[in-house]
Amino acid sequence: MTATAVPQNTSSQTAPVAPAIVRPSVRQHSIKVEICTPAIGAELSNISLADAAQDPEAIAEIRALWLKHKVLFFRDQNITPMEQQNFAAQFAGLEAHPLAPSHPEADKLLMLYRNLEPGKPQGFVEKASRENTWHADVTYKKAPPRGAVLRCELGPETGGDTIWSNMVMAYEKLPEAIKQRIDGLYAKHSAEHAFGAQMPIADRHAMAAKNPAAEHPVVLTHPETGEKVLFVNSTFTTHFSNFYNFEDIRYGQDFMPEAHHLLNYLAFQAAIPEYQVRLKWRTNTVAMWDNLQVQHYAVADYGNEPRKMLRATLTGAPLV
């Protein structure tokens, strides 16, 4: 960018005015937006995430697009772990995963590694694979993560796609009778339910004590958009906590499968293709999603091929 010359006063009684210093903007070009599907997702280009972290206007624009499209994709982001962490930190505080190791160079990045060479550091998925199930991240916490920024360091030649599903649309498309039935319902979310079966019983009990189950509304109101979101998933959600009026229930005599069937029906909504977008990863592809508005599913179809992913997790708040 060239500075505009400031006209000089040629009067002998006035000192010359120094030219104004114009600093170039970090962002020289506008962000290009390509809509992925009618339901969800947009690919952003003409932007460096390392540079965007230094540009408040770029961050504001990305945030607005994130809220609107719910998941954003960025290709060819050759950034360091610390640059990824710094970009993510512009949107919220960051938190380490409660059950998994952090990256040695960026302590808020979760390592999601598979099939690395013997002796290499192993990440969370290597120890407890829960990738190919529909879920929002860490909903067993009282304050689930606000979102995530995931970057591919190394991916398989084919396979290993990730799918996201729009849970705002999932709620909007429910029959009115179902909306009325779930209005005011709460559900329990449990880490033990998701990971406990893979653990020795002592470790399972210790994990449950450290990560007690959380209760969330089945339909939450998004804190920024005000939209209603269907917030149950098949990985962490175990049961409704207020489905029955227990004062009217005869212990051992009035069990009905209605609640279980309803929960399964609601969790299944994430699997409807019309609500989804699917990403084929490449090295240095970044995905950023709103953990309150979407669920995701990592397709585990790449056999023994290595995969290295780094995820920054945005800190959330208790849900209402």
C-alpha atoms as a PDB file:
ATOM      1  CA  MET A   1       0.000   0.000   0.000  1.00  0.00           C
ATOM      2  CA  THR A   2       1.406   3.397  -0.994  1.00  0.00           C
ATOM      3  CA  ALA A   3       1.115   6.327   1.414  1.00  0.00           C
ATOM      4  CA  THR A   4      -0.831   9.322   0.141  1.00  0.00           C
ATOM      5  CA  ALA A   5       1.391  12.378  -0.104  1.00  0.00           C
ATOM      6  CA  VAL A   6       0.446  15.254   2.216  1.00  0.00           C
ATOM      7  CA  PRO A   7       0.495  18.673   0.473  1.00  0.00           C
ATOM      8  CA  GLN A   8       3.289  20.911   1.771  1.00  0.00           C
ATOM      9  CA  ASN A   9       2.743  24.517   2.863  1.00  0.00           C
ATOM     10  CA  THR A  10       5.293  26.556   0.885  1.00  0.00           C
ATOM     11  CA  SER A  11       5.060  29.566   3.160  1.00  0.00           C
ATOM     12  CA  SER A  12       8.451  30.510   4.611  1.00  0.00           C
ATOM     13  CA  GLN A  13       6.772  31.119   7.968  1.00  0.00           C
ATOM     14  CA  THR A  14       5.487  27.516   8.367  1.00  0.00           C
ATOM     15  CA  ALA A  15       7.615  24.412   8.866  1.00  0.00           C
ATOM     16  CA  PRO A  16       7.069  21.583   6.373  1.00  0.00           C
ATOM     17  CA  VAL A  17       4.528  18.916   7.443  1.00  0.00           C
ATOM     18  CA  ALA A  18       5.947  15.396   7.605  1.00  0.00           C
ATOM     19  CA  PRO A  19       4.269  12.847   5.333  1.00  0.00           C
ATOM     20  CA  ALA A  20       1.689  10.667   7.093  1.00  0.00           C
ATOM     21  CA  ILE A  21       2.805   7.138   7.904  1.00  0.00           C
ATOM     22  CA  VAL A  22       0.341   4.585   6.544  1.00  0.00           C
ATOM     23  CA  ARG A  23       0.850   1.047   7.832  1.00  0.00           C
ATOM     24  CA  PRO A  24      -0.252  -1.722   5.494  1.00  0.00           C
ATOM     25  CA  SER A  25      -3.179  -3.838   6.648  1.00  0.00           C
ATOM     26  CA  VAL A  26      -2.386  -7.412   7.595  1.00  0.00           C
ATOM     27  CA  ARG A  27      -5.120  -8.482   5.164  1.00  0.00           C
ATOM     28  CA  GLN A  28      -4.619  -7.188   1.619  1.00  0.00           C
ATOM     29  CA  HIS A  29      -7.635  -8.916   0.042  1.00  0.00           C
ATOM     30  CA  SER A  30     -11.187  -9.732   1.062  1.00  0.00           C
ATOM     31  CA  ILE A  31     -12.120 -13.213   2.233  1.00  0.00           C
ATOM     32  CA  LYS A  32     -13.714 -15.378  -0.442  1.00  0.00           C
ATOM     33  CA  VAL A  33     -16.664 -17.501   0.718  1.00  0.00           C
ATOM     34  CA  GLU A  34     -17.900 -20.633  -1.062  1.00  0.00           C
ATOM     35  CA  ILE A  35     -21.080 -22.199   0.367  1.00  0.00           C
ATOM     36  CA  CYS A  36     -20.714 -25.975   0.726  1.00  0.00           C
ATOM     37  CA  THR A  37     -24.331 -27.155   1.091  1.00  0.00           C
ATOM     38  CA  PRO A  38     -27.715 -25.481   1.577  1.00  0.00           C
ATOM     39  CA  ALA A  39     -27.757 -26.701   5.182  1.00  0.00           C
ATOM     40  CA  ILE A  40     -24.283 -26.147   6.584  1.00  0.00           C
ATOM     41  CA  GLY A  41     -20.677 -25.272   5.863  1.00  0.00           C
ATOM     42  CA  ALA A  42     -18.600 -22.724   3.956  1.00  0.00           C
ATOM     43  CA  GLU A  43     -15.048 -22.815   2.595  1.00  0.00           C
ATOM     44  CA  LEU A  44     -13.076 -19.604   3.124  1.00  0.00           C
ATOM     45  CA  SER A  45     -10.090 -18.719   0.965  1.00  0.00           C
ATOM     46  CA  ASN A  46      -7.815 -15.754   0.325  1.00  0.00           C
ATOM     47  CA  ILE A  47      -6.961 -15.661   4.034  1.00  0.00           C
ATOM     48  CA  SER A  48      -4.003 -16.768   6.161  1.00  0.00           C
ATOM     49  CA  LEU A  49      -5.036 -17.826   9.656  1.00  0.00           C
ATOM     50  CA  ALA A  50      -1.642 -16.791  11.014  1.00  0.00           C
ATOM     51  CA  ASP A  51      -2.215 -13.274   9.657  1.00  0.00           C
ATOM     52  CA  ALA A  52      -5.899 -13.215  10.600  1.00  0.00           C
ATOM     53  CA  ALA A  53      -4.956 -13.696  14.250  1.00  0.00           C
ATOM     54  CA  GLN A  54      -3.358 -10.219  14.093  1.00  0.00           C
ATOM     55  CA  ASP A  55      -6.332  -8.587  12.351  1.00  0.00           C
ATOM     56  CA  PRO A  56      -9.427  -7.848  14.498  1.00  0.00           C
ATOM     57  CA  GLU A  57     -11.536  -7.055  11.424  1.00  0.00           C
ATOM     58  CA  ALA A  58     -10.723 -10.423   9.875  1.00  0.00           C
ATOM     59  CA  ILE A  59     -11.539 -12.203  13.141  1.00  0.00           C
ATOM     60  CA  ALA A  60     -14.889 -10.401  13.368  1.00  0.00           C
ATOM     61  CA  GLU A  61     -15.734 -11.403   9.791  1.00  0.00           C
ATOM     62  CA  ILE A  62     -14.735 -15.025  10.374  1.00  0.00           C
ATOM     63  CA  ARG A  63     -16.773 -15.127  13.580  1.00  0.00           C
ATOM     64  CA  ALA A  64     -19.898 -13.903  11.792  1.00  0.00           C
ATOM     65  CA  LEU A  65     -19.432 -16.523   9.068  1.00  0.00           C
ATOM     66  CA  TRP A  66     -18.799 -19.207  11.709  1.00  0.00           C
ATOM     67  CA  LEU A  67     -22.079 -18.441  13.470  1.00  0.00           C
ATOM     68  CA  LYS A  68     -23.985 -18.338  10.173  1.00  0.00           C
ATOM     69  CA  HIS A  69     -22.563 -21.450   8.496  1.00  0.00           C
ATOM     70  CA  LYS A  70     -21.713 -23.380  11.696  1.00  0.00           C
ATOM     71  CA  VAL A  71     -18.567 -25.005  10.262  1.00  0.00           C
ATOM     72  CA  LEU A  72     -15.850 -23.300   8.210  1.00  0.00           C
ATOM     73  CA  PHE A  73     -13.083 -24.857   6.112  1.00  0.00           C
ATOM     74  CA  PHE A  74      -9.708 -23.333   5.237  1.00  0.00           C
ATOM     75  CA  ARG A  75      -7.305 -25.016   2.791  1.00  0.00           C
ATOM     76  CA  ASP A  76      -3.503 -24.763   2.547  1.00  0.00           C
ATOM     77  CA  GLN A  77      -2.899 -23.303   6.011  1.00  0.00           C
ATOM     78  CA  ASN A  78       0.792 -24.097   6.507  1.00  0.00           C
ATOM     79  CA  ILE A  79       0.917 -22.880  10.113  1.00  0.00           C
ATOM     80  CA  THR A  80       2.743 -24.004  13.236  1.00  0.00           C
ATOM     81  CA  PRO A  81       0.964 -25.514  16.260  1.00  0.00           C
ATOM     82  CA  MET A  82       1.428 -22.228  18.137  1.00  0.00           C
ATOM     83  CA  GLU A  83      -0.030 -20.246  15.227  1.00  0.00           C
ATOM     84  CA  GLN A  84      -3.043 -22.548  15.212  1.00  0.00           C
ATOM     85  CA  GLN A  85      -3.428 -22.106  18.968  1.00  0.00           C
ATOM     86  CA  ASN A  86      -3.076 -18.327  18.673  1.00  0.00           C
ATOM     87  CA  PHE A  87      -5.727 -18.136  15.939  1.00  0.00           C
ATOM     88  CA  ALA A  88      -8.192 -20.200  17.977  1.00  0.00           C
ATOM     89  CA  ALA A  89      -7.570 -18.031  21.049  1.00  0.00           C
ATOM     90  CA  GLN A  90      -9.024 -15.019  19.220  1.00  0.00           C
ATOM     91  CA  PHE A  91     -12.514 -16.530  19.543  1.00  0.00           C
ATOM     92  CA  ALA A  92     -12.560 -17.728  23.164  1.00  0.00           C
ATOM     93  CA  GLY A  93     -10.353 -19.015  25.918  1.00  0.00           C
ATOM     94  CA  LEU A  94      -8.768 -22.389  25.211  1.00  0.00           C
ATOM     95  CA  GLU A  95      -8.886 -25.548  27.292  1.00  0.00           C
ATOM     96  CA  ALA A  96      -6.979 -28.814  27.268  1.00  0.00           C
ATOM     97  CA  HIS A  97      -8.921 -32.061  26.883  1.00  0.00           C
ATOM     98  CA  PRO A  98      -9.781 -33.560  30.302  1.00  0.00           C
ATOM     99  CA  LEU A  99      -8.777 -37.102  29.290  1.00  0.00           C
ATOM    100  CA  ALA A 100      -6.084 -36.680  26.660  1.00  0.00           C
ATOM    101  CA  PRO A 101      -2.487 -35.498  26.098  1.00  0.00           C
ATOM    102  CA  SER A 102      -1.582 -32.025  24.834  1.00  0.00           C
ATOM    103  CA  HIS A 103       0.944 -31.119  22.149  1.00  0.00           C
ATOM    104  CA  PRO A 104       4.472 -30.522  23.533  1.00  0.00           C
ATOM    105  CA  GLU A 105       4.817 -27.209  21.638  1.00  0.00           C
ATOM    106  CA  ALA A 106       1.279 -25.889  22.243  1.00  0.00           C
ATOM    107  CA  ASP A 107      -0.228 -26.962  25.535  1.00  0.00           C
ATOM    108  CA  LYS A 108      -3.858 -26.304  24.554  1.00  0.00           C
ATOM    109  CA  LEU A 109      -3.783 -28.465  21.407  1.00  0.00           C
ATOM    110  CA  LEU A 110      -5.160 -32.000  21.587  1.00  0.00           C
ATOM    111  CA  MET A 111      -3.237 -34.605  19.595  1.00  0.00           C
ATOM    112  CA  LEU A 112      -5.526 -36.901  17.590  1.00  0.00           C
ATOM    113  CA  TYR A 113      -3.054 -39.404  16.173  1.00  0.00           C
ATOM    114  CA  ARG A 114      -3.513 -42.842  14.604  1.00  0.00           C
ATOM    115  CA  ASN A 115      -1.168 -45.519  13.296  1.00  0.00           C
ATOM    116  CA  LEU A 116       2.131 -43.705  13.819  1.00  0.00           C
ATOM    117  CA  GLU A 117       5.515 -45.383  13.742  1.00  0.00           C
ATOM    118  CA  PRO A 118       6.579 -47.337  16.846  1.00  0.00           C
ATOM    119  CA  GLY A 119       8.134 -45.022  19.409  1.00  0.00           C
ATOM    120  CA  LYS A 120       6.314 -41.919  18.189  1.00  0.00           C
ATOM    121  CA  PRO A 121       4.099 -40.001  20.658  1.00  0.00           C
ATOM    122  CA  GLN A 122       0.555 -41.301  20.526  1.00  0.00           C
ATOM    123  CA  GLY A 123      -2.542 -39.161  20.848  1.00  0.00           C
ATOM    124  CA  PHE A 124      -5.986 -39.631  22.277  1.00  0.00           C
ATOM    125  CA  VAL A 125      -7.619 -41.680  19.527  1.00  0.00           C
ATOM    126  CA  GLU A 126      -4.843 -44.277  19.684  1.00  0.00           C
ATOM    127  CA  LYS A 127      -5.807 -44.990  23.291  1.00  0.00           C
ATOM    128  CA  ALA A 128      -9.605 -44.682  23.186  1.00  0.00           C
ATOM    129  CA  SER A 129     -11.090 -44.677  19.703  1.00  0.00           C
ATOM    130  CA  ARG A 130     -14.501 -43.023  19.671  1.00  0.00           C
ATOM    131  CA  GLU A 131     -14.136 -41.265  16.368  1.00  0.00           C
ATOM    132  CA  ASN A 132     -16.839 -42.909  14.240  1.00  0.00           C
ATOM    133  CA  THR A 133     -19.878 -41.958  16.321  1.00  0.00           C
ATOM    134  CA  TRP A 134     -22.078 -38.879  16.142  1.00  0.00           C
ATOM    135  CA  HIS A 135     -21.283 -36.430  18.923  1.00  0.00           C
ATOM    136  CA  ALA A 136     -20.617 -32.893  20.015  1.00  0.00           C
ATOM    137  CA  ASP A 137     -17.325 -32.639  21.891  1.00  0.00           C
ATOM    138  CA  VAL A 138     -17.110 -33.225  25.651  1.00  0.00           C
ATOM    139  CA  THR A 139     -20.799 -32.666  26.399  1.00  0.00           C
ATOM    140  CA  TYR A 140     -20.295 -34.534  29.683  1.00  0.00           C
ATOM    141  CA  LYS A 141     -18.890 -31.303  31.129  1.00  0.00           C
ATOM    142  CA  LYS A 142     -21.141 -28.784  32.849  1.00  0.00           C
ATOM    143  CA  ALA A 143     -19.732 -26.190  30.441  1.00  0.00           C
ATOM    144  CA  PRO A 144     -19.157 -28.002  27.114  1.00  0.00           C
ATOM    145  CA  PRO A 145     -16.640 -26.523  24.667  1.00  0.00           C
ATOM    146  CA  ARG A 146     -17.838 -23.567  22.620  1.00  0.00           C
ATOM    147  CA  GLY A 147     -16.157 -24.790  19.477  1.00  0.00           C
ATOM    148  CA  ALA A 148     -13.036 -26.274  17.928  1.00  0.00           C
ATOM    149  CA  VAL A 149     -10.303 -25.550  15.385  1.00  0.00           C
ATOM    150  CA  LEU A 150      -8.938 -28.782  13.871  1.00  0.00           C
ATOM    151  CA  ARG A 151      -5.954 -28.973  11.504  1.00  0.00           C
ATOM    152  CA  CYS A 152      -4.716 -31.917   9.471  1.00  0.00           C
ATOM    153  CA  GLU A 153      -0.949 -32.426   9.751  1.00  0.00           C
ATOM    154  CA  LEU A 154      -0.981 -35.767   7.963  1.00  0.00           C
ATOM    155  CA  GLY A 155      -3.859 -37.708   6.468  1.00  0.00           C
ATOM    156  CA  PRO A 156      -4.448 -40.971   4.625  1.00  0.00           C
ATOM    157  CA  GLU A 157      -4.333 -40.970   0.836  1.00  0.00           C
ATOM    158  CA  THR A 158      -8.045 -41.769   0.745  1.00  0.00           C
ATOM    159  CA  GLY A 159     -10.677 -41.960   3.453  1.00  0.00           C
ATOM    160  CA  GLY A 160     -10.758 -40.368   6.874  1.00  0.00           C
ATOM    161  CA  ASP A 161     -13.382 -37.769   5.959  1.00  0.00           C
ATOM    162  CA  THR A 162     -15.309 -35.892   8.651  1.00  0.00           C
ATOM    163  CA  ILE A 163     -19.047 -35.155   8.488  1.00  0.00           C
ATOM    164  CA  TRP A 164     -20.836 -32.356  10.352  1.00  0.00           C
ATOM    165  CA  SER A 165     -24.588 -32.118  10.936  1.00  0.00           C
ATOM    166  CA  ASN A 166     -26.645 -28.974  11.561  1.00  0.00           C
ATOM    167  CA  MET A 167     -28.527 -29.464  14.846  1.00  0.00           C
ATOM    168  CA  VAL A 168     -30.371 -26.160  14.500  1.00  0.00           C
ATOM    169  CA  MET A 169     -31.956 -27.511  11.334  1.00  0.00           C
ATOM    170  CA  ALA A 170     -32.484 -30.873  13.050  1.00  0.00           C
ATOM    171  CA  TYR A 171     -34.630 -29.133  15.658  1.00  0.00           C
ATOM    172  CA  GLU A 172     -36.450 -26.951  13.128  1.00  0.00           C
ATOM    173  CA  LYS A 173     -37.469 -29.994  11.051  1.00  0.00           C
ATOM    174  CA  LEU A 174     -38.897 -31.988  13.978  1.00  0.00           C
ATOM    175  CA  PRO A 175     -42.661 -32.578  13.973  1.00  0.00           C
ATOM    176  CA  GLU A 176     -44.494 -30.073  16.157  1.00  0.00           C
ATOM    177  CA  ALA A 177     -45.740 -32.857  18.430  1.00  0.00           C
ATOM    178  CA  ILE A 178     -42.144 -33.892  19.156  1.00  0.00           C
ATOM    179  CA  LYS A 179     -41.105 -30.290  19.797  1.00  0.00           C
ATOM    180  CA  GLN A 180     -43.895 -30.003  22.346  1.00  0.00           C
ATOM    181  CA  ARG A 181     -42.941 -33.323  23.963  1.00  0.00           C
ATOM    182  CA  ILE A 182     -39.296 -32.354  24.474  1.00  0.00           C
ATOM    183  CA  ASP A 183     -39.942 -28.775  25.552  1.00  0.00           C
ATOM    184  CA  GLY A 184     -38.473 -28.407  29.036  1.00  0.00           C
ATOM    185  CA  LEU A 185     -36.738 -31.795  29.051  1.00  0.00           C
ATOM    186  CA  TYR A 186     -33.202 -32.268  30.359  1.00  0.00           C
ATOM    187  CA  ALA A 187     -30.772 -35.108  29.667  1.00  0.00           C
ATOM    188  CA  LYS A 188     -27.661 -36.563  31.288  1.00  0.00           C
ATOM    189  CA  HIS A 189     -24.326 -36.711  29.444  1.00  0.00           C
ATOM    190  CA  SER A 190     -21.609 -39.093  30.671  1.00  0.00           C
ATOM    191  CA  ALA A 191     -17.922 -39.687  29.907  1.00  0.00           C
ATOM    192  CA  GLU A 192     -18.175 -43.083  31.586  1.00  0.00           C
ATOM    193  CA  HIS A 193     -20.890 -44.059  29.123  1.00  0.00           C
ATOM    194  CA  ALA A 194     -18.620 -43.237  26.179  1.00  0.00           C
ATOM    195  CA  PHE A 195     -15.210 -44.405  27.360  1.00  0.00           C
ATOM    196  CA  GLY A 196     -15.757 -46.636  30.392  1.00  0.00           C
ATOM    197  CA  ALA A 197     -16.280 -49.915  28.572  1.00  0.00           C
ATOM    198  CA  GLN A 198     -12.680 -49.776  27.321  1.00  0.00           C
ATOM    199  CA  MET A 199     -11.198 -49.326  30.801  1.00  0.00           C
ATOM    200  CA  PRO A 200     -10.402 -51.567  33.770  1.00  0.00           C
ATOM    201  CA  ILE A 201     -13.100 -51.124  36.402  1.00  0.00           C
ATOM    202  CA  ALA A 202     -10.856 -49.181  38.797  1.00  0.00           C
ATOM    203  CA  ASP A 203      -9.874 -46.729  36.050  1.00  0.00           C
ATOM    204  CA  ARG A 204     -13.501 -46.425  35.007  1.00  0.00           C
ATOM    205  CA  HIS A 205     -14.590 -45.481  38.519  1.00  0.00           C
ATOM    206  CA  ALA A 206     -11.723 -42.992  38.846  1.00  0.00           C
ATOM    207  CA  MET A 207     -12.653 -41.357  35.544  1.00  0.00           C
ATOM    208  CA  ALA A 208     -16.310 -41.114  36.554  1.00  0.00           C
ATOM    209  CA  ALA A 209     -15.365 -39.521  39.876  1.00  0.00           C
ATOM    210  CA  LYS A 210     -13.142 -36.963  38.153  1.00  0.00           C
ATOM    211  CA  ASN A 211     -15.642 -36.312  35.333  1.00  0.00           C
ATOM    212  CA  PRO A 212     -19.152 -36.554  36.805  1.00  0.00           C
ATOM    213  CA  ALA A 213     -22.124 -36.649  34.463  1.00  0.00           C
ATOM    214  CA  ALA A 214     -23.611 -33.306  33.434  1.00  0.00           C
ATOM    215  CA  GLU A 215     -27.212 -32.336  32.809  1.00  0.00           C
ATOM    216  CA  HIS A 216     -28.159 -30.148  29.829  1.00  0.00           C
ATOM    217  CA  PRO A 217     -31.402 -28.999  28.218  1.00  0.00           C
ATOM    218  CA  VAL A 218     -32.512 -31.220  25.353  1.00  0.00           C
ATOM    219  CA  VAL A 219     -33.260 -28.035  23.413  1.00  0.00           C
ATOM    220  CA  LEU A 220     -30.822 -25.254  24.180  1.00  0.00           C
ATOM    221  CA  THR A 221     -30.951 -21.629  23.140  1.00  0.00           C
ATOM    222  CA  HIS A 222     -27.737 -20.635  21.391  1.00  0.00           C
ATOM    223  CA  PRO A 223     -26.019 -17.898  23.435  1.00  0.00           C
ATOM    224  CA  GLU A 224     -25.129 -15.739  20.417  1.00  0.00           C
ATOM    225  CA  THR A 225     -27.684 -16.432  17.696  1.00  0.00           C
ATOM    226  CA  GLY A 226     -30.720 -17.138  19.884  1.00  0.00           C
ATOM    227  CA  GLU A 227     -31.562 -20.164  17.714  1.00  0.00           C
ATOM    228  CA  LYS A 228     -32.918 -23.361  19.244  1.00  0.00           C
ATOM    229  CA  VAL A 229     -30.604 -26.368  18.992  1.00  0.00           C
ATOM    230  CA  LEU A 230     -31.301 -30.080  19.475  1.00  0.00           C
ATOM    231  CA  PHE A 231     -28.615 -31.011  22.013  1.00  0.00           C
ATOM    232  CA  VAL A 232     -28.489 -34.780  22.509  1.00  0.00           C
ATOM    233  CA  ASN A 233     -26.034 -37.207  20.932  1.00  0.00           C
ATOM    234  CA  SER A 234     -25.554 -40.963  20.754  1.00  0.00           C
ATOM    235  CA  THR A 235     -22.055 -40.910  22.258  1.00  0.00           C
ATOM    236  CA  PHE A 236     -22.464 -39.092  25.572  1.00  0.00           C
ATOM    237  CA  THR A 237     -26.219 -38.686  26.224  1.00  0.00           C
ATOM    238  CA  THR A 238     -27.526 -41.499  28.443  1.00  0.00           C
ATOM    239  CA  HIS A 239     -31.105 -40.659  29.466  1.00  0.00           C
ATOM    240  CA  PHE A 240     -33.649 -37.941  30.144  1.00  0.00           C
ATOM    241  CA  SER A 241     -33.493 -36.715  33.721  1.00  0.00           C
ATOM    242  CA  ASN A 242     -37.063 -35.378  34.004  1.00  0.00           C
ATOM    243  CA  PHE A 243     -39.103 -37.429  31.533  1.00  0.00           C
ATOM    244  CA  TYR A 244     -41.334 -38.990  34.192  1.00  0.00           C
ATOM    245  CA  ASN A 245     -43.123 -37.498  37.171  1.00  0.00           C
ATOM    246  CA  PHE A 246     -41.723 -39.921  39.731  1.00  0.00           C
ATOM    247  CA  GLU A 247     -44.389 -39.068  42.288  1.00  0.00           C
ATOM    248  CA  ASP A 248     -46.863 -40.882  40.048  1.00  0.00           C
ATOM    249  CA  ILE A 249     -44.653 -43.848  39.172  1.00  0.00           C
ATOM    250  CA  ARG A 250     -45.051 -47.205  40.922  1.00  0.00           C
ATOM    251  CA  TYR A 251     -41.541 -48.537  41.418  1.00  0.00           C
ATOM    252  CA  GLY A 252     -40.894 -51.586  39.255  1.00  0.00           C
ATOM    253  CA  GLN A 253     -44.348 -51.577  37.659  1.00  0.00           C
ATOM    254  CA  ASP A 254     -44.622 -48.586  35.350  1.00  0.00           C
ATOM    255  CA  PHE A 255     -41.492 -48.805  33.209  1.00  0.00           C
ATOM    256  CA  MET A 256     -42.180 -47.979  29.554  1.00  0.00           C
ATOM    257  CA  PRO A 257     -39.668 -47.842  26.686  1.00  0.00           C
ATOM    258  CA  GLU A 258     -41.049 -44.516  25.452  1.00  0.00           C
ATOM    259  CA  ALA A 259     -38.212 -42.398  26.848  1.00  0.00           C
ATOM    260  CA  HIS A 260     -35.507 -44.675  25.422  1.00  0.00           C
ATOM    261  CA  HIS A 261     -37.129 -44.713  21.991  1.00  0.00           C
ATOM    262  CA  LEU A 262     -37.562 -40.940  21.986  1.00  0.00           C
ATOM    263  CA  LEU A 263     -33.908 -40.359  22.916  1.00  0.00           C
ATOM    264  CA  ASN A 264     -32.735 -42.685  20.142  1.00  0.00           C
ATOM    265  CA  TYR A 265     -35.018 -40.910  17.676  1.00  0.00           C
ATOM    266  CA  LEU A 266     -33.610 -37.504  18.622  1.00  0.00           C
ATOM    267  CA  ALA A 267     -30.000 -38.700  18.475  1.00  0.00           C
ATOM    268  CA  PHE A 268     -30.627 -40.183  15.021  1.00  0.00           C
ATOM    269  CA  GLN A 269     -31.466 -36.752  13.579  1.00  0.00           C
ATOM    270  CA  ALA A 270     -27.738 -36.015  13.180  1.00  0.00           C
ATOM    271  CA  ALA A 271     -27.490 -38.854  10.652  1.00  0.00           C
ATOM    272  CA  ILE A 272     -29.937 -37.293   8.161  1.00  0.00           C
ATOM    273  CA  PRO A 273     -27.897 -36.440   5.013  1.00  0.00           C
ATOM    274  CA  GLU A 274     -29.875 -33.290   4.188  1.00  0.00           C
ATOM    275  CA  TYR A 275     -28.506 -31.674   7.364  1.00  0.00           C
ATOM    276  CA  GLN A 276     -24.858 -32.492   6.616  1.00  0.00           C
ATOM    277  CA  VAL A 277     -21.607 -31.436   5.004  1.00  0.00           C
ATOM    278  CA  ARG A 278     -18.644 -33.766   4.384  1.00  0.00           C
ATOM    279  CA  LEU A 279     -14.978 -32.752   4.220  1.00  0.00           C
ATOM    280  CA  LYS A 280     -12.169 -34.612   2.472  1.00  0.00           C
ATOM    281  CA  TRP A 281      -9.050 -33.690   4.413  1.00  0.00           C
ATOM    282  CA  ARG A 282      -5.741 -32.675   2.896  1.00  0.00           C
ATOM    283  CA  THR A 283      -2.542 -31.721   4.687  1.00  0.00           C
ATOM    284  CA  ASN A 284      -2.908 -28.206   6.181  1.00  0.00           C
ATOM    285  CA  THR A 285      -6.700 -28.176   5.873  1.00  0.00           C
ATOM    286  CA  VAL A 286      -8.363 -26.517   8.877  1.00  0.00           C
ATOM    287  CA  ALA A 287     -11.960 -26.949  10.033  1.00  0.00           C
ATOM    288  CA  MET A 288     -13.569 -24.659  12.604  1.00  0.00           C
ATOM    289  CA  TRP A 289     -16.970 -25.561  14.030  1.00  0.00           C
ATOM    290  CA  ASP A 290     -19.502 -24.349  16.561  1.00  0.00           C
ATOM    291  CA  ASN A 291     -19.789 -27.181  19.090  1.00  0.00           C
ATOM    292  CA  LEU A 292     -23.201 -25.963  20.258  1.00  0.00           C
ATOM    293  CA  GLN A 293     -24.749 -25.933  16.771  1.00  0.00           C
ATOM    294  CA  VAL A 294     -23.351 -29.101  15.187  1.00  0.00           C
ATOM    295  CA  GLN A 295     -22.409 -32.702  15.741  1.00  0.00           C
ATOM    296  CA  HIS A 296     -19.645 -34.437  13.832  1.00  0.00           C
ATOM    297  CA  TYR A 297     -18.612 -37.942  12.777  1.00  0.00           C
ATOM    298  CA  ALA A 298     -15.062 -38.968  11.825  1.00  0.00           C
ATOM    299  CA  VAL A 299     -15.246 -41.732   9.236  1.00  0.00           C
ATOM    300  CA  ALA A 300     -12.892 -44.565  10.278  1.00  0.00           C
ATOM    301  CA  ASP A 301     -12.307 -46.150   6.879  1.00  0.00           C
ATOM    302  CA  TYR A 302      -8.568 -45.710   6.370  1.00  0.00           C
ATOM    303  CA  GLY A 303      -7.262 -48.930   7.911  1.00  0.00           C
ATOM    304  CA  ASN A 304      -3.682 -48.751   9.138  1.00  0.00           C
ATOM    305  CA  GLU A 305      -2.711 -45.553   7.334  1.00  0.00           C
ATOM    306  CA  PRO A 306      -1.239 -42.868   9.635  1.00  0.00           C
ATOM    307  CA  ARG A 307      -3.211 -39.784  10.574  1.00  0.00           C
ATOM    308  CA  LYS A 308      -2.173 -36.721  12.579  1.00  0.00           C
ATOM    309  CA  MET A 309      -4.683 -34.069  13.606  1.00  0.00           C
ATOM    310  CA  LEU A 310      -4.359 -31.190  16.083  1.00  0.00           C
ATOM    311  CA  ARG A 311      -7.409 -29.671  17.749  1.00  0.00           C
ATOM    312  CA  ALA A 312      -7.775 -26.439  19.685  1.00  0.00           C
ATOM    313  CA  THR A 313     -10.844 -26.449  21.937  1.00  0.00           C
ATOM    314  CA  LEU A 314     -12.693 -23.203  22.675  1.00  0.00           C
ATOM    315  CA  THR A 315     -13.862 -22.810  26.269  1.00  0.00           C
ATOM    316  CA  GLY A 316     -17.618 -22.758  26.777  1.00  0.00           C
ATOM    317  CA  ALA A 317     -20.084 -21.796  29.500  1.00  0.00           C
ATOM    318  CA  PRO A 318     -22.913 -23.643  31.299  1.00  0.00           C
ATOM    319  CA  LEU A 319     -25.898 -24.144  29.010  1.00  0.00           C
ATOM    320  CA  VAL A 320     -29.446 -22.834  29.356  1.00  0.00           C
END
